[in-house]
């Protein structure tokens, strides 16, 4: 189950600043969600075939690739907490030991 230390780590990684009340509320909601997901593992799915949709005749709608309007880089960089050489600066995801 998710604990307060893990939530604080997620908060830091997500660059969120939560109040104590928000943190308590979020922790409770996330614990409820995780408990619901965990309960799904208790279902007997031995005779259920894998599928991409619950209705066999239904297909995902496909569309042609179309070029759309792009937004200027400066617009995105303006909202970024950190930038370097015209790009978003993000924390490293691979740590050297």
PDB file of N, CA and C in Angstrom:
ATOM      1  N   UNK A   1       0.851  -1.178   0.000  1.00  0.00           N
ATOM      2  CA  UNK A   1       0.000   0.000   0.000  1.00  0.00           C
ATOM      3  C   UNK A   1       0.895   1.240   0.000  1.00  0.00           C
ATOM      4  N   UNK A   2       0.459   2.252  -0.653  1.00  0.00           N
ATOM      5  CA  UNK A   2       1.194   3.512  -0.752  1.00  0.00           C
ATOM      6  C   UNK A   2       1.273   4.188   0.612  1.00  0.00           C
ATOM      7  N   UNK A   3       2.477   4.609   0.996  1.00  0.00           N
ATOM      8  CA  UNK A   3       2.605   5.304   2.280  1.00  0.00           C
ATOM      9  C   UNK A   3       2.997   6.757   2.053  1.00  0.00           C
ATOM     10  N   UNK A   4       3.083   7.497   3.143  1.00  0.00           N
ATOM     11  CA  UNK A   4       3.322   8.942   3.056  1.00  0.00           C
ATOM     12  C   UNK A   4       4.697   9.252   2.454  1.00  0.00           C
ATOM     13  N   UNK A   5       5.705   8.449   2.777  1.00  0.00           N
ATOM     14  CA  UNK A   5       7.050   8.683   2.223  1.00  0.00           C
ATOM     15  C   UNK A   5       7.052   8.506   0.709  1.00  0.00           C
ATOM     16  N   UNK A   6       6.367   7.468   0.221  1.00  0.00           N
ATOM     17  CA  UNK A   6       6.284   7.243  -1.222  1.00  0.00           C
ATOM     18  C   UNK A   6       5.530   8.379  -1.909  1.00  0.00           C
ATOM     19  N   UNK A   7       4.483   8.865  -1.255  1.00  0.00           N
ATOM     20  CA  UNK A   7       3.722   9.980  -1.816  1.00  0.00           C
ATOM     21  C   UNK A   7       4.599  11.232  -1.895  1.00  0.00           C
ATOM     22  N   UNK A   8       5.414  11.479  -0.881  1.00  0.00           N
ATOM     23  CA  UNK A   8       6.314  12.629  -0.908  1.00  0.00           C
ATOM     24  C   UNK A   8       7.333  12.496  -2.041  1.00  0.00           C
ATOM     25  N   UNK A   9       7.800  11.277  -2.290  1.00  0.00           N
ATOM     26  CA  UNK A   9       8.732  11.047  -3.396  1.00  0.00           C
ATOM     27  C   UNK A   9       8.040  11.318  -4.734  1.00  0.00           C
ATOM     28  N   UNK A  10       6.798  10.859  -4.870  1.00  0.00           N
ATOM     29  CA  UNK A  10       6.035  11.125  -6.090  1.00  0.00           C
ATOM     30  C   UNK A  10       5.781  12.614  -6.264  1.00  0.00           C
ATOM     31  N   UNK A  11       5.508  13.283  -5.165  1.00  0.00           N
ATOM     32  CA  UNK A  11       5.266  14.720  -5.189  1.00  0.00           C
ATOM     33  C   UNK A  11       6.514  15.446  -5.708  1.00  0.00           C
ATOM     34  N   UNK A  12       7.672  15.028  -5.232  1.00  0.00           N
ATOM     35  CA  UNK A  12       8.931  15.645  -5.662  1.00  0.00           C
ATOM     36  C   UNK A  12       9.192  15.366  -7.145  1.00  0.00           C
ATOM     37  N   UNK A  13       9.031  14.109  -7.556  1.00  0.00           N
ATOM     38  CA  UNK A  13       9.248  13.746  -8.961  1.00  0.00           C
ATOM     39  C   UNK A  13       8.293  14.479  -9.890  1.00  0.00           C
ATOM     40  N   UNK A  14       7.066  14.709  -9.431  1.00  0.00           N
ATOM     41  CA  UNK A  14       6.047  15.380 -10.238  1.00  0.00           C
ATOM     42  C   UNK A  14       6.144  16.896 -10.157  1.00  0.00           C
ATOM     43  N   UNK A  15       7.052  17.354  -9.297  1.00  0.00           N
ATOM     44  CA  UNK A  15       7.227  18.793  -9.073  1.00  0.00           C
ATOM     45  C   UNK A  15       5.929  19.450  -8.603  1.00  0.00           C
ATOM     46  N   UNK A  16       5.244  18.749  -7.707  1.00  0.00           N
ATOM     47  CA  UNK A  16       4.020  19.283  -7.120  1.00  0.00           C
ATOM     48  C   UNK A  16       4.342  19.860  -5.753  1.00  0.00           C
ATOM     49  N   UNK A  17       3.603  20.857  -5.374  1.00  0.00           N
ATOM     50  CA  UNK A  17       3.699  21.403  -4.019  1.00  0.00           C
ATOM     51  C   UNK A  17       2.305  21.318  -3.400  1.00  0.00           C
ATOM     52  N   UNK A  18       2.112  20.312  -2.587  1.00  0.00           N
ATOM     53  CA  UNK A  18       0.805  20.078  -1.985  1.00  0.00           C
ATOM     54  C   UNK A  18       0.780  20.584  -0.557  1.00  0.00           C
ATOM     55  N   UNK A  19      -0.394  21.047  -0.153  1.00  0.00           N
ATOM     56  CA  UNK A  19      -0.581  21.387   1.250  1.00  0.00           C
ATOM     57  C   UNK A  19      -0.750  20.077   2.013  1.00  0.00           C
ATOM     58  N   UNK A  20      -0.654  20.146   3.335  1.00  0.00           N
ATOM     59  CA  UNK A  20      -0.817  18.936   4.143  1.00  0.00           C
ATOM     60  C   UNK A  20      -2.211  18.333   3.928  1.00  0.00           C
ATOM     61  N   UNK A  21      -3.231  19.183   3.829  1.00  0.00           N
ATOM     62  CA  UNK A  21      -4.596  18.693   3.594  1.00  0.00           C
ATOM     63  C   UNK A  21      -4.720  18.007   2.244  1.00  0.00           C
ATOM     64  N   UNK A  22      -4.117  18.594   1.216  1.00  0.00           N
ATOM     65  CA  UNK A  22      -4.144  17.980  -0.117  1.00  0.00           C
ATOM     66  C   UNK A  22      -3.409  16.653  -0.105  1.00  0.00           C
ATOM     67  N   UNK A  23      -2.282  16.613   0.605  1.00  0.00           N
ATOM     68  CA  UNK A  23      -1.482  15.388   0.675  1.00  0.00           C
ATOM     69  C   UNK A  23      -2.275  14.256   1.336  1.00  0.00           C
ATOM     70  N   UNK A  24      -2.956  14.568   2.436  1.00  0.00           N
ATOM     71  CA  UNK A  24      -3.761  13.561   3.145  1.00  0.00           C
ATOM     72  C   UNK A  24      -4.880  13.061   2.242  1.00  0.00           C
ATOM     73  N   UNK A  25      -5.565  13.992   1.572  1.00  0.00           N
ATOM     74  CA  UNK A  25      -6.674  13.633   0.685  1.00  0.00           C
ATOM     75  C   UNK A  25      -6.175  12.786  -0.488  1.00  0.00           C
ATOM     76  N   UNK A  26      -5.071  13.195  -1.089  1.00  0.00           N
ATOM     77  CA  UNK A  26      -4.521  12.467  -2.228  1.00  0.00           C
ATOM     78  C   UNK A  26      -4.064  11.077  -1.816  1.00  0.00           C
ATOM     79  N   UNK A  27      -3.391  10.976  -0.676  1.00  0.00           N
ATOM     80  CA  UNK A  27      -2.932   9.678  -0.198  1.00  0.00           C
ATOM     81  C   UNK A  27      -4.107   8.722  -0.014  1.00  0.00           C
ATOM     82  N   UNK A  28      -5.187   9.210   0.588  1.00  0.00           N
ATOM     83  CA  UNK A  28      -6.374   8.370   0.803  1.00  0.00           C
ATOM     84  C   UNK A  28      -6.966   7.923  -0.534  1.00  0.00           C
ATOM     85  N   UNK A  29      -7.076   8.862  -1.485  1.00  0.00           N
ATOM     86  CA  UNK A  29      -7.631   8.512  -2.795  1.00  0.00           C
ATOM     87  C   UNK A  29      -6.755   7.514  -3.529  1.00  0.00           C
ATOM     88  N   UNK A  30      -5.442   7.735  -3.510  1.00  0.00           N
ATOM     89  CA  UNK A  30      -4.535   6.806  -4.200  1.00  0.00           C
ATOM     90  C   UNK A  30      -4.563   5.426  -3.554  1.00  0.00           C
ATOM     91  N   UNK A  31      -4.660   5.371  -2.228  1.00  0.00           N
ATOM     92  CA  UNK A  31      -4.755   4.075  -1.548  1.00  0.00           C
ATOM     93  C   UNK A  31      -6.034   3.347  -1.950  1.00  0.00           C
ATOM     94  N   UNK A  32      -7.142   4.079  -2.080  1.00  0.00           N
ATOM     95  CA  UNK A  32      -8.399   3.465  -2.524  1.00  0.00           C
ATOM     96  C   UNK A  32      -8.284   2.944  -3.949  1.00  0.00           C
ATOM     97  N   UNK A  33      -7.646   3.728  -4.815  1.00  0.00           N
ATOM     98  CA  UNK A  33      -7.467   3.303  -6.213  1.00  0.00           C
ATOM     99  C   UNK A  33      -6.607   2.044  -6.270  1.00  0.00           C
ATOM    100  N   UNK A  34      -5.492   2.042  -5.549  1.00  0.00           N
ATOM    101  CA  UNK A  34      -4.605   0.879  -5.559  1.00  0.00           C
ATOM    102  C   UNK A  34      -5.285  -0.354  -4.973  1.00  0.00           C
ATOM    103  N   UNK A  35      -6.116  -0.163  -3.961  1.00  0.00           N
ATOM    104  CA  UNK A  35      -6.857  -1.296  -3.387  1.00  0.00           C
ATOM    105  C   UNK A  35      -7.843  -1.857  -4.414  1.00  0.00           C
ATOM    106  N   UNK A  36      -8.479  -0.969  -5.172  1.00  0.00           N
ATOM    107  CA  UNK A  36      -9.413  -1.426  -6.207  1.00  0.00           C
ATOM    108  C   UNK A  36      -8.679  -2.201  -7.296  1.00  0.00           C
ATOM    109  N   UNK A  37      -7.530  -1.688  -7.707  1.00  0.00           N
ATOM    110  CA  UNK A  37      -6.745  -2.382  -8.735  1.00  0.00           C
ATOM    111  C   UNK A  37      -6.273  -3.730  -8.210  1.00  0.00           C
ATOM    112  N   UNK A  38      -5.828  -3.762  -6.960  1.00  0.00           N
ATOM    113  CA  UNK A  38      -5.371  -5.022  -6.368  1.00  0.00           C
ATOM    114  C   UNK A  38      -6.496  -6.055  -6.335  1.00  0.00           C
ATOM    115  N   UNK A  39      -7.721  -5.606  -6.066  1.00  0.00           N
ATOM    116  CA  UNK A  39      -8.846  -6.539  -6.003  1.00  0.00           C
ATOM    117  C   UNK A  39      -9.106  -7.204  -7.357  1.00  0.00           C
ATOM    118  N   UNK A  40      -8.696  -6.539  -8.446  1.00  0.00           N
ATOM    119  CA  UNK A  40      -8.862  -7.140  -9.771  1.00  0.00           C
ATOM    120  C   UNK A  40      -8.025  -8.404  -9.922  1.00  0.00           C
ATOM    121  N   UNK A  41      -6.903  -8.472  -9.215  1.00  0.00           N
ATOM    122  CA  UNK A  41      -6.037  -9.654  -9.320  1.00  0.00           C
ATOM    123  C   UNK A  41      -6.694 -10.889  -8.701  1.00  0.00           C
ATOM    124  N   UNK A  42      -7.738 -10.685  -7.923  1.00  0.00           N
ATOM    125  CA  UNK A  42      -8.440 -11.805  -7.292  1.00  0.00           C
ATOM    126  C   UNK A  42      -9.478 -12.447  -8.223  1.00  0.00           C
ATOM    127  N   UNK A  43      -9.736 -11.807  -9.361  1.00  0.00           N
ATOM    128  CA  UNK A  43     -10.718 -12.348 -10.303  1.00  0.00           C
ATOM    129  C   UNK A  43     -10.166 -13.564 -11.017  1.00  0.00           C
ATOM    130  N   UNK A  44     -11.026 -14.540 -11.247  1.00  0.00           N
ATOM    131  CA  UNK A  44     -10.633 -15.735 -11.987  1.00  0.00           C
ATOM    132  C   UNK A  44     -10.745 -15.438 -13.476  1.00  0.00           C
ATOM    133  N   UNK A  45      -9.608 -15.305 -14.148  1.00  0.00           N
ATOM    134  CA  UNK A  45      -9.597 -14.994 -15.585  1.00  0.00           C
ATOM    135  C   UNK A  45      -8.997 -16.140 -16.387  1.00  0.00           C
ATOM    136  N   UNK A  46      -8.981 -17.326 -15.803  1.00  0.00           N
ATOM    137  CA  UNK A  46      -8.346 -18.473 -16.457  1.00  0.00           C
ATOM    138  C   UNK A  46      -8.951 -18.766 -17.830  1.00  0.00           C
ATOM    139  N   UNK A  47     -10.252 -18.643 -17.970  1.00  0.00           N
ATOM    140  CA  UNK A  47     -10.910 -18.990 -19.232  1.00  0.00           C
ATOM    141  C   UNK A  47     -11.286 -17.759 -20.056  1.00  0.00           C
ATOM    142  N   UNK A  48     -10.697 -16.633 -19.746  1.00  0.00           N
ATOM    143  CA  UNK A  48     -10.977 -15.401 -20.482  1.00  0.00           C
ATOM    144  C   UNK A  48      -9.859 -15.171 -21.480  1.00  0.00           C
ATOM    145  N   UNK A  49     -10.238 -15.059 -22.762  1.00  0.00           N
ATOM    146  CA  UNK A  49      -9.231 -14.845 -23.800  1.00  0.00           C
ATOM    147  C   UNK A  49      -8.828 -13.374 -23.843  1.00  0.00           C
ATOM    148  N   UNK A  50      -7.552 -13.100 -24.074  1.00  0.00           N
ATOM    149  CA  UNK A  50      -7.112 -11.701 -24.187  1.00  0.00           C
ATOM    150  C   UNK A  50      -7.806 -11.010 -25.353  1.00  0.00           C
ATOM    151  N   UNK A  51      -8.119  -9.750 -25.169  1.00  0.00           N
ATOM    152  CA  UNK A  51      -8.761  -9.003 -26.239  1.00  0.00           C
ATOM    153  C   UNK A  51      -8.340  -7.535 -26.149  1.00  0.00           C
ATOM    154  N   UNK A  52      -8.533  -6.817 -27.253  1.00  0.00           N
ATOM    155  CA  UNK A  52      -8.213  -5.398 -27.232  1.00  0.00           C
ATOM    156  C   UNK A  52      -9.454  -4.561 -26.969  1.00  0.00           C
ATOM    157  N   UNK A  53     -10.623  -5.193 -27.043  1.00  0.00           N
ATOM    158  CA  UNK A  53     -11.867  -4.492 -26.774  1.00  0.00           C
ATOM    159  C   UNK A  53     -12.896  -5.505 -26.304  1.00  0.00           C
ATOM    160  N   UNK A  54     -13.804  -5.100 -25.438  1.00  0.00           N
ATOM    161  CA  UNK A  54     -14.780  -6.039 -24.904  1.00  0.00           C
ATOM    162  C   UNK A  54     -15.791  -6.480 -25.949  1.00  0.00           C
ATOM    163  N   UNK A  55     -16.006  -5.665 -26.971  1.00  0.00           N
ATOM    164  CA  UNK A  55     -16.909  -6.035 -28.055  1.00  0.00           C
ATOM    165  C   UNK A  55     -16.077  -6.446 -29.268  1.00  0.00           C
ATOM    166  N   UNK A  56     -16.171  -7.715 -29.651  1.00  0.00           N
ATOM    167  CA  UNK A  56     -15.325  -8.240 -30.726  1.00  0.00           C
ATOM    168  C   UNK A  56     -15.453  -7.474 -32.031  1.00  0.00           C
ATOM    169  N   UNK A  57     -16.677  -7.045 -32.366  1.00  0.00           N
ATOM    170  CA  UNK A  57     -16.893  -6.387 -33.652  1.00  0.00           C
ATOM    171  C   UNK A  57     -16.415  -4.934 -33.665  1.00  0.00           C
ATOM    172  N   UNK A  58     -16.027  -4.433 -32.517  1.00  0.00           N
ATOM    173  CA  UNK A  58     -15.620  -3.031 -32.452  1.00  0.00           C
ATOM    174  C   UNK A  58     -14.126  -2.890 -32.763  1.00  0.00           C
ATOM    175  N   UNK A  59     -13.804  -1.926 -33.577  1.00  0.00           N
ATOM    176  CA  UNK A  59     -12.417  -1.632 -33.935  1.00  0.00           C
ATOM    177  C   UNK A  59     -12.084  -0.217 -33.490  1.00  0.00           C
ATOM    178  N   UNK A  60     -10.826   0.017 -33.223  1.00  0.00           N
ATOM    179  CA  UNK A  60     -10.400   1.376 -32.893  1.00  0.00           C
ATOM    180  C   UNK A  60     -10.514   2.225 -34.153  1.00  0.00           C
ATOM    181  N   UNK A  61     -11.086   3.417 -34.037  1.00  0.00           N
ATOM    182  CA  UNK A  61     -11.211   4.260 -35.225  1.00  0.00           C
ATOM    183  C   UNK A  61      -9.823   4.715 -35.701  1.00  0.00           C
ATOM    184  N   UNK A  62      -9.580   4.597 -36.973  1.00  0.00           N
ATOM    185  CA  UNK A  62      -8.314   5.010 -37.552  1.00  0.00           C
ATOM    186  C   UNK A  62      -8.524   6.271 -38.364  1.00  0.00           C
ATOM    187  N   UNK A  63      -7.500   7.067 -38.459  1.00  0.00           N
ATOM    188  CA  UNK A  63      -7.587   8.274 -39.272  1.00  0.00           C
ATOM    189  C   UNK A  63      -6.274   8.443 -40.015  1.00  0.00           C
ATOM    190  N   UNK A  64      -6.326   9.230 -41.051  1.00  0.00           N
ATOM    191  CA  UNK A  64      -5.123   9.533 -41.805  1.00  0.00           C
ATOM    192  C   UNK A  64      -4.240  10.455 -40.983  1.00  0.00           C
ATOM    193  N   UNK A  65      -2.933  10.284 -41.110  1.00  0.00           N
ATOM    194  CA  UNK A  65      -2.017  11.223 -40.464  1.00  0.00           C
ATOM    195  C   UNK A  65      -2.096  12.550 -41.189  1.00  0.00           C
ATOM    196  N   UNK A  66      -2.311  13.587 -40.428  1.00  0.00           N
ATOM    197  CA  UNK A  66      -2.398  14.913 -41.010  1.00  0.00           C
ATOM    198  C   UNK A  66      -1.503  15.868 -40.235  1.00  0.00           C
ATOM    199  N   UNK A  67      -0.838  16.720 -40.962  1.00  0.00           N
ATOM    200  CA  UNK A  67      -0.010  17.737 -40.336  1.00  0.00           C
ATOM    201  C   UNK A  67      -0.923  18.780 -39.698  1.00  0.00           C
ATOM    202  N   UNK A  68      -0.597  19.154 -38.476  1.00  0.00           N
ATOM    203  CA  UNK A  68      -1.397  20.154 -37.789  1.00  0.00           C
ATOM    204  C   UNK A  68      -0.517  21.323 -37.386  1.00  0.00           C
ATOM    205  N   UNK A  69      -1.153  22.372 -36.963  1.00  0.00           N
ATOM    206  CA  UNK A  69      -0.433  23.562 -36.545  1.00  0.00           C
ATOM    207  C   UNK A  69       0.445  23.240 -35.333  1.00  0.00           C
ATOM    208  N   UNK A  70       1.647  23.750 -35.347  1.00  0.00           N
ATOM    209  CA  UNK A  70       2.531  23.581 -34.200  1.00  0.00           C
ATOM    210  C   UNK A  70       2.644  24.912 -33.470  1.00  0.00           C
ATOM    211  N   UNK A  71       3.036  24.839 -32.238  1.00  0.00           N
ATOM    212  CA  UNK A  71       3.174  26.039 -31.430  1.00  0.00           C
ATOM    213  C   UNK A  71       4.648  26.402 -31.311  1.00  0.00           C
ATOM    214  N   UNK A  72       4.930  27.674 -31.174  1.00  0.00           N
ATOM    215  CA  UNK A  72       6.332  28.086 -31.075  1.00  0.00           C
ATOM    216  C   UNK A  72       7.013  27.527 -29.828  1.00  0.00           C
ATOM    217  N   UNK A  73       8.254  27.151 -29.976  1.00  0.00           N
ATOM    218  CA  UNK A  73       9.037  26.597 -28.887  1.00  0.00           C
ATOM    219  C   UNK A  73       9.065  27.545 -27.686  1.00  0.00           C
ATOM    220  N   UNK A  74       9.153  28.832 -27.960  1.00  0.00           N
ATOM    221  CA  UNK A  74       9.238  29.818 -26.886  1.00  0.00           C
ATOM    222  C   UNK A  74       8.021  29.765 -25.964  1.00  0.00           C
ATOM    223  N   UNK A  75       6.862  29.434 -26.523  1.00  0.00           N
ATOM    224  CA  UNK A  75       5.644  29.351 -25.723  1.00  0.00           C
ATOM    225  C   UNK A  75       5.775  28.264 -24.658  1.00  0.00           C
ATOM    226  N   UNK A  76       6.318  27.108 -25.041  1.00  0.00           N
ATOM    227  CA  UNK A  76       6.494  26.017 -24.095  1.00  0.00           C
ATOM    228  C   UNK A  76       7.623  26.304 -23.113  1.00  0.00           C
ATOM    229  N   UNK A  77       8.699  26.864 -23.620  1.00  0.00           N
ATOM    230  CA  UNK A  77       9.842  27.151 -22.763  1.00  0.00           C
ATOM    231  C   UNK A  77       9.510  28.202 -21.708  1.00  0.00           C
ATOM    232  N   UNK A  78       8.587  29.078 -22.033  1.00  0.00           N
ATOM    233  CA  UNK A  78       8.188  30.129 -21.100  1.00  0.00           C
ATOM    234  C   UNK A  78       7.617  29.528 -19.806  1.00  0.00           C
ATOM    235  N   UNK A  79       6.926  28.413 -19.919  1.00  0.00           N
ATOM    236  CA  UNK A  79       6.289  27.779 -18.757  1.00  0.00           C
ATOM    237  C   UNK A  79       7.196  26.760 -18.068  1.00  0.00           C
ATOM    238  N   UNK A  80       8.360  26.475 -18.650  1.00  0.00           N
ATOM    239  CA  UNK A  80       9.243  25.444 -18.096  1.00  0.00           C
ATOM    240  C   UNK A  80       9.974  25.957 -16.862  1.00  0.00           C
ATOM    241  N   UNK A  81      10.062  25.118 -15.821  1.00  0.00           N
ATOM    242  CA  UNK A  81      10.782  25.553 -14.628  1.00  0.00           C
ATOM    243  C   UNK A  81      12.283  25.700 -14.877  1.00  0.00           C
ATOM    244  N   UNK A  82      12.851  24.848 -15.740  1.00  0.00           N
ATOM    245  CA  UNK A  82      14.273  24.931 -16.061  1.00  0.00           C
ATOM    246  C   UNK A  82      14.465  24.672 -17.545  1.00  0.00           C
ATOM    247  N   UNK A  83      15.400  25.404 -18.147  1.00  0.00           N
ATOM    248  CA  UNK A  83      15.693  25.222 -19.561  1.00  0.00           C
ATOM    249  C   UNK A  83      17.203  25.300 -19.768  1.00  0.00           C
ATOM    250  N   UNK A  84      17.655  24.690 -20.859  1.00  0.00           N
ATOM    251  CA  UNK A  84      19.067  24.721 -21.205  1.00  0.00           C
ATOM    252  C   UNK A  84      19.189  24.621 -22.725  1.00  0.00           C
ATOM    253  N   UNK A  85      19.887  25.566 -23.321  1.00  0.00           N
ATOM    254  CA  UNK A  85      20.140  25.591 -24.770  1.00  0.00           C
ATOM    255  C   UNK A  85      18.850  25.460 -25.579  1.00  0.00           C
ATOM    256  N   UNK A  86      17.801  26.154 -25.168  1.00  0.00           N
ATOM    257  CA  UNK A  86      16.548  26.127 -25.915  1.00  0.00           C
ATOM    258  C   UNK A  86      15.739  24.855 -25.761  1.00  0.00           C
ATOM    259  N   UNK A  87      16.051  24.061 -24.731  1.00  0.00           N
ATOM    260  CA  UNK A  87      15.328  22.811 -24.494  1.00  0.00           C
ATOM    261  C   UNK A  87      14.901  22.740 -23.032  1.00  0.00           C
ATOM    262  N   UNK A  88      13.963  21.850 -22.734  1.00  0.00           N
ATOM    263  CA  UNK A  88      13.548  21.632 -21.357  1.00  0.00           C
ATOM    264  C   UNK A  88      14.644  20.879 -20.624  1.00  0.00           C
ATOM    265  N   UNK A  89      14.981  21.313 -19.425  1.00  0.00           N
ATOM    266  CA  UNK A  89      15.940  20.596 -18.602  1.00  0.00           C
ATOM    267  C   UNK A  89      15.161  19.730 -17.640  1.00  0.00           C
ATOM    268  N   UNK A  90      15.434  18.438 -17.647  1.00  0.00           N
ATOM    269  CA  UNK A  90      14.734  17.506 -16.774  1.00  0.00           C
ATOM    270  C   UNK A  90      15.745  16.767 -15.917  1.00  0.00           C
ATOM    271  N   UNK A  91      15.308  16.267 -14.755  1.00  0.00           N
ATOM    272  CA  UNK A  91      16.237  15.517 -13.915  1.00  0.00           C
ATOM    273  C   UNK A  91      16.642  14.211 -14.597  1.00  0.00           C
ATOM    274  N   UNK A  92      17.850  13.726 -14.308  1.00  0.00           N
ATOM    275  CA  UNK A  92      18.272  12.448 -14.904  1.00  0.00           C
ATOM    276  C   UNK A  92      17.386  11.302 -14.419  1.00  0.00           C
ATOM    277  N   UNK A  93      17.141  10.354 -15.311  1.00  0.00           N
ATOM    278  CA  UNK A  93      16.329   9.199 -14.933  1.00  0.00           C
ATOM    279  C   UNK A  93      17.184   7.971 -14.685  1.00  0.00           C
ATOM    280  N   UNK A  94      18.430   8.018 -15.124  1.00  0.00           N
ATOM    281  CA  UNK A  94      19.356   6.908 -14.887  1.00  0.00           C
ATOM    282  C   UNK A  94      20.420   7.421 -13.928  1.00  0.00           C
ATOM    283  N   UNK A  95      20.526   6.780 -12.796  1.00  0.00           N
ATOM    284  CA  UNK A  95      21.495   7.199 -11.802  1.00  0.00           C
ATOM    285  C   UNK A  95      22.708   6.283 -11.871  1.00  0.00           C
ATOM    286  N   UNK A  96      23.872   6.897 -11.849  1.00  0.00           N
ATOM    287  CA  UNK A  96      25.103   6.107 -11.811  1.00  0.00           C
ATOM    288  C   UNK A  96      25.380   5.722 -10.368  1.00  0.00           C
ATOM    289  N   UNK A  97      25.837   4.495 -10.174  1.00  0.00           N
ATOM    290  CA  UNK A  97      26.132   4.040  -8.805  1.00  0.00           C
ATOM    291  C   UNK A  97      27.616   3.977  -8.588  1.00  0.00           C
TER     292      UNK A  97
END
